[in-house]
Amino acid sequence: MKTITQALLAAAGGLMLAATGASAAIVCNDDGDCWHVRGHPAYGPELKLRVHPDHWKWRHGDDHYRWREHAGRGYWRSGVWVDIH
């Protein structure tokens, strides 16, 4: 019984890690650039970025938004990707 309990706890822990690792968000800046990020980053308020849930979509007619993807950690500012190390 102890072995079964340990196996169940290990499996549950693995599922929690998998779910956490798969979390994502969409970030947009004041210029209308939006991109996907892993997890839920904490950008400083001075960057004026908005973090939305991964399922967020802008409304039809809101053509001031555009997708700008980039690998790595960072953010878009004035059309340039700024890396965060």
N, C-alpha and C. Protein backbone atom coordinates (compact mmCIF):
# COMPACT_ATOMS: atom_id res chain seq x y z
N MET A 1 0.82 -1.19 0.00
CA MET A 1 0.00 0.00 0.00
C MET A 1 0.87 1.26 0.00
N LYS A 2 1.95 1.26 0.75
CA LYS A 2 2.85 2.40 0.81
C LYS A 2 3.45 2.69 -0.56
N THR A 3 3.82 1.65 -1.30
CA THR A 3 4.41 1.80 -2.63
C THR A 3 3.42 2.42 -3.60
N ILE A 4 2.16 2.01 -3.52
CA ILE A 4 1.12 2.55 -4.40
C ILE A 4 0.90 4.03 -4.09
N THR A 5 0.87 4.38 -2.82
CA THR A 5 0.68 5.77 -2.42
C THR A 5 1.84 6.64 -2.92
N GLN A 6 3.07 6.13 -2.78
CA GLN A 6 4.23 6.88 -3.25
C GLN A 6 4.18 7.06 -4.77
N ALA A 7 3.76 6.01 -5.47
CA ALA A 7 3.67 6.10 -6.93
C ALA A 7 2.62 7.13 -7.35
N LEU A 8 1.48 7.14 -6.67
CA LEU A 8 0.43 8.11 -6.98
C LEU A 8 0.88 9.54 -6.70
N LEU A 9 1.58 9.74 -5.59
CA LEU A 9 2.09 11.07 -5.27
C LEU A 9 3.12 11.54 -6.29
N ALA A 10 3.98 10.64 -6.72
CA ALA A 10 4.98 10.98 -7.73
C ALA A 10 4.31 11.34 -9.05
N ALA A 11 3.30 10.58 -9.44
CA ALA A 11 2.58 10.86 -10.69
C ALA A 11 1.87 12.21 -10.60
N ALA A 12 1.24 12.50 -9.48
CA ALA A 12 0.54 13.78 -9.30
C ALA A 12 1.53 14.94 -9.36
N GLY A 13 2.68 14.77 -8.76
CA GLY A 13 3.72 15.81 -8.80
C GLY A 13 4.20 16.05 -10.22
N GLY A 14 4.36 14.98 -10.99
CA GLY A 14 4.76 15.11 -12.38
C GLY A 14 3.72 15.85 -13.21
N LEU A 15 2.46 15.57 -12.97
CA LEU A 15 1.39 16.27 -13.68
C LEU A 15 1.37 17.75 -13.33
N MET A 16 1.62 18.08 -12.07
CA MET A 16 1.64 19.48 -11.67
C MET A 16 2.78 20.22 -12.35
N LEU A 17 3.95 19.58 -12.43
CA LEU A 17 5.09 20.21 -13.10
C LEU A 17 4.81 20.39 -14.58
N ALA A 18 4.20 19.39 -15.21
CA ALA A 18 3.87 19.49 -16.64
C ALA A 18 2.88 20.62 -16.88
N ALA A 19 1.90 20.74 -16.02
CA ALA A 19 0.90 21.80 -16.19
C ALA A 19 1.52 23.17 -15.98
N THR A 20 2.42 23.30 -15.03
CA THR A 20 3.08 24.57 -14.77
C THR A 20 3.98 24.95 -15.93
N GLY A 21 4.73 23.98 -16.46
CA GLY A 21 5.64 24.24 -17.56
C GLY A 21 4.92 24.62 -18.83
N ALA A 22 3.67 24.22 -18.97
CA ALA A 22 2.92 24.50 -20.19
C ALA A 22 2.18 25.82 -20.11
N SER A 23 2.23 26.51 -18.99
CA SER A 23 1.49 27.75 -18.88
C SER A 23 2.11 28.81 -19.78
N ALA A 24 1.27 29.68 -20.27
CA ALA A 24 1.74 30.72 -21.18
C ALA A 24 0.88 31.96 -21.02
N ALA A 25 1.31 33.03 -21.64
CA ALA A 25 0.57 34.29 -21.60
C ALA A 25 0.83 35.04 -22.89
N ILE A 26 0.07 36.09 -23.11
CA ILE A 26 0.28 37.01 -24.22
C ILE A 26 0.58 38.37 -23.61
N VAL A 27 1.63 39.00 -24.11
CA VAL A 27 2.03 40.31 -23.61
C VAL A 27 1.90 41.32 -24.75
N CYS A 28 1.37 42.51 -24.44
CA CYS A 28 1.24 43.58 -25.43
C CYS A 28 1.84 44.86 -24.86
N ASN A 29 2.45 45.65 -25.76
CA ASN A 29 2.98 46.95 -25.34
C ASN A 29 2.09 48.07 -25.85
N ASP A 30 2.43 49.30 -25.52
CA ASP A 30 1.62 50.46 -25.92
C ASP A 30 1.65 50.70 -27.42
N ASP A 31 2.65 50.15 -28.13
CA ASP A 31 2.73 50.30 -29.58
C ASP A 31 1.81 49.34 -30.31
N GLY A 32 1.19 48.38 -29.58
CA GLY A 32 0.31 47.40 -30.19
C GLY A 32 1.00 46.10 -30.57
N ASP A 33 2.28 45.96 -30.22
CA ASP A 33 3.00 44.71 -30.46
C ASP A 33 2.58 43.70 -29.40
N CYS A 34 2.22 42.48 -29.84
CA CYS A 34 1.84 41.41 -28.91
C CYS A 34 2.66 40.17 -29.23
N TRP A 35 3.02 39.41 -28.20
CA TRP A 35 3.80 38.21 -28.38
C TRP A 35 3.47 37.21 -27.29
N HIS A 36 3.77 35.95 -27.58
CA HIS A 36 3.55 34.87 -26.61
C HIS A 36 4.76 34.73 -25.71
N VAL A 37 4.52 34.39 -24.47
CA VAL A 37 5.60 34.11 -23.51
C VAL A 37 5.26 32.83 -22.75
N ARG A 38 6.27 32.18 -22.26
CA ARG A 38 6.06 31.02 -21.39
C ARG A 38 5.87 31.51 -19.97
N GLY A 39 4.96 30.87 -19.26
CA GLY A 39 4.70 31.25 -17.88
C GLY A 39 3.96 32.56 -17.79
N HIS A 40 4.06 33.21 -16.67
CA HIS A 40 3.41 34.50 -16.44
C HIS A 40 4.48 35.44 -15.91
N PRO A 41 5.19 36.10 -16.81
CA PRO A 41 6.32 36.93 -16.40
C PRO A 41 5.88 38.15 -15.60
N ALA A 42 6.79 38.62 -14.78
CA ALA A 42 6.53 39.83 -13.98
C ALA A 42 7.41 40.94 -14.56
N TYR A 43 6.84 41.71 -15.48
CA TYR A 43 7.56 42.85 -16.04
C TYR A 43 7.36 44.04 -15.10
N GLY A 44 8.34 44.91 -15.02
CA GLY A 44 8.22 46.09 -14.18
C GLY A 44 7.20 47.07 -14.75
N PRO A 45 6.52 47.82 -13.89
CA PRO A 45 5.47 48.74 -14.35
C PRO A 45 6.02 49.83 -15.28
N GLU A 46 7.29 50.15 -15.18
CA GLU A 46 7.88 51.19 -16.03
C GLU A 46 7.88 50.80 -17.51
N LEU A 47 7.75 49.49 -17.81
CA LEU A 47 7.73 49.02 -19.20
C LEU A 47 6.36 49.21 -19.86
N LYS A 48 5.34 49.44 -19.06
CA LYS A 48 3.97 49.66 -19.56
C LYS A 48 3.50 48.53 -20.47
N LEU A 49 3.69 47.29 -20.01
CA LEU A 49 3.26 46.10 -20.74
C LEU A 49 2.03 45.52 -20.07
N ARG A 50 1.16 44.94 -20.86
CA ARG A 50 -0.03 44.28 -20.34
C ARG A 50 0.10 42.79 -20.58
N VAL A 51 -0.09 42.00 -19.55
CA VAL A 51 -0.01 40.54 -19.64
C VAL A 51 -1.44 40.01 -19.65
N HIS A 52 -1.76 39.23 -20.68
CA HIS A 52 -3.09 38.65 -20.85
C HIS A 52 -3.00 37.14 -20.75
N PRO A 53 -4.10 36.45 -20.45
CA PRO A 53 -4.11 34.99 -20.47
C PRO A 53 -3.83 34.49 -21.90
N ASP A 54 -3.34 33.27 -22.01
CA ASP A 54 -2.94 32.72 -23.31
C ASP A 54 -4.11 32.65 -24.29
N HIS A 55 -5.33 32.58 -23.82
CA HIS A 55 -6.48 32.49 -24.71
C HIS A 55 -7.01 33.87 -25.12
N TRP A 56 -6.37 34.96 -24.69
CA TRP A 56 -6.81 36.31 -24.99
C TRP A 56 -6.71 36.59 -26.49
N LYS A 57 -7.69 37.31 -27.02
CA LYS A 57 -7.68 37.75 -28.41
C LYS A 57 -8.21 39.17 -28.46
N TRP A 58 -7.66 39.97 -29.35
CA TRP A 58 -8.22 41.31 -29.48
C TRP A 58 -9.48 41.23 -30.32
N ARG A 59 -10.35 42.20 -30.11
CA ARG A 59 -11.64 42.23 -30.80
C ARG A 59 -11.43 42.55 -32.27
N HIS A 60 -12.36 42.08 -33.08
CA HIS A 60 -12.35 42.44 -34.51
C HIS A 60 -12.45 43.95 -34.64
N GLY A 61 -11.68 44.53 -35.47
CA GLY A 61 -11.70 45.98 -35.63
C GLY A 61 -10.61 46.68 -34.84
N ASP A 62 -9.99 45.95 -33.90
CA ASP A 62 -8.86 46.53 -33.14
C ASP A 62 -7.58 46.29 -33.94
N ASP A 63 -7.44 47.02 -35.05
CA ASP A 63 -6.32 46.74 -35.95
C ASP A 63 -5.01 47.40 -35.49
N HIS A 64 -5.00 47.99 -34.32
CA HIS A 64 -3.75 48.58 -33.84
C HIS A 64 -2.86 47.54 -33.16
N TYR A 65 -3.30 46.29 -33.09
CA TYR A 65 -2.48 45.21 -32.55
C TYR A 65 -1.84 44.42 -33.68
N ARG A 66 -0.66 43.86 -33.43
CA ARG A 66 0.00 42.97 -34.39
C ARG A 66 0.86 41.97 -33.63
N TRP A 67 0.96 40.76 -34.19
CA TRP A 67 1.79 39.72 -33.58
C TRP A 67 3.23 39.93 -33.96
N ARG A 68 4.10 39.84 -32.97
CA ARG A 68 5.54 39.92 -33.17
C ARG A 68 6.17 38.89 -32.26
N GLU A 69 6.45 37.74 -32.78
CA GLU A 69 7.03 36.67 -31.96
C GLU A 69 8.55 36.81 -31.90
N HIS A 70 9.12 36.26 -30.84
CA HIS A 70 10.58 36.25 -30.67
C HIS A 70 10.93 35.18 -29.65
N ALA A 71 12.02 34.49 -29.89
CA ALA A 71 12.49 33.48 -28.92
C ALA A 71 13.26 34.17 -27.81
N GLY A 72 13.21 33.59 -26.64
CA GLY A 72 13.97 34.13 -25.52
C GLY A 72 13.12 35.00 -24.61
N ARG A 73 13.77 35.48 -23.54
CA ARG A 73 13.08 36.34 -22.58
C ARG A 73 13.33 37.80 -22.93
N GLY A 74 12.26 38.56 -22.97
CA GLY A 74 12.41 39.97 -23.26
C GLY A 74 11.09 40.61 -23.59
N TYR A 75 11.16 41.72 -24.32
CA TYR A 75 9.95 42.45 -24.69
C TYR A 75 10.25 43.33 -25.91
N TRP A 76 9.19 43.73 -26.60
CA TRP A 76 9.31 44.63 -27.74
C TRP A 76 9.18 46.07 -27.26
N ARG A 77 10.05 46.95 -27.76
CA ARG A 77 9.99 48.38 -27.45
C ARG A 77 10.36 49.15 -28.71
N SER A 78 9.44 49.95 -29.21
CA SER A 78 9.65 50.76 -30.42
C SER A 78 10.13 49.92 -31.60
N GLY A 79 9.55 48.72 -31.74
CA GLY A 79 9.88 47.85 -32.87
C GLY A 79 11.16 47.06 -32.73
N VAL A 80 11.81 47.14 -31.57
CA VAL A 80 13.08 46.44 -31.33
C VAL A 80 12.90 45.47 -30.16
N TRP A 81 13.40 44.24 -30.31
CA TRP A 81 13.35 43.26 -29.22
C TRP A 81 14.44 43.58 -28.21
N VAL A 82 14.07 43.67 -26.94
CA VAL A 82 15.00 43.93 -25.85
C VAL A 82 15.11 42.67 -25.02
N ASP A 83 16.31 42.07 -24.99
CA ASP A 83 16.53 40.85 -24.21
C ASP A 83 16.57 41.16 -22.72
N ILE A 84 16.02 40.25 -21.94
CA ILE A 84 16.15 40.28 -20.48
C ILE A 84 16.98 39.08 -20.10
N HIS A 85 18.08 39.30 -19.43
CA HIS A 85 18.97 38.19 -19.04
C HIS A 85 18.72 37.75 -17.63
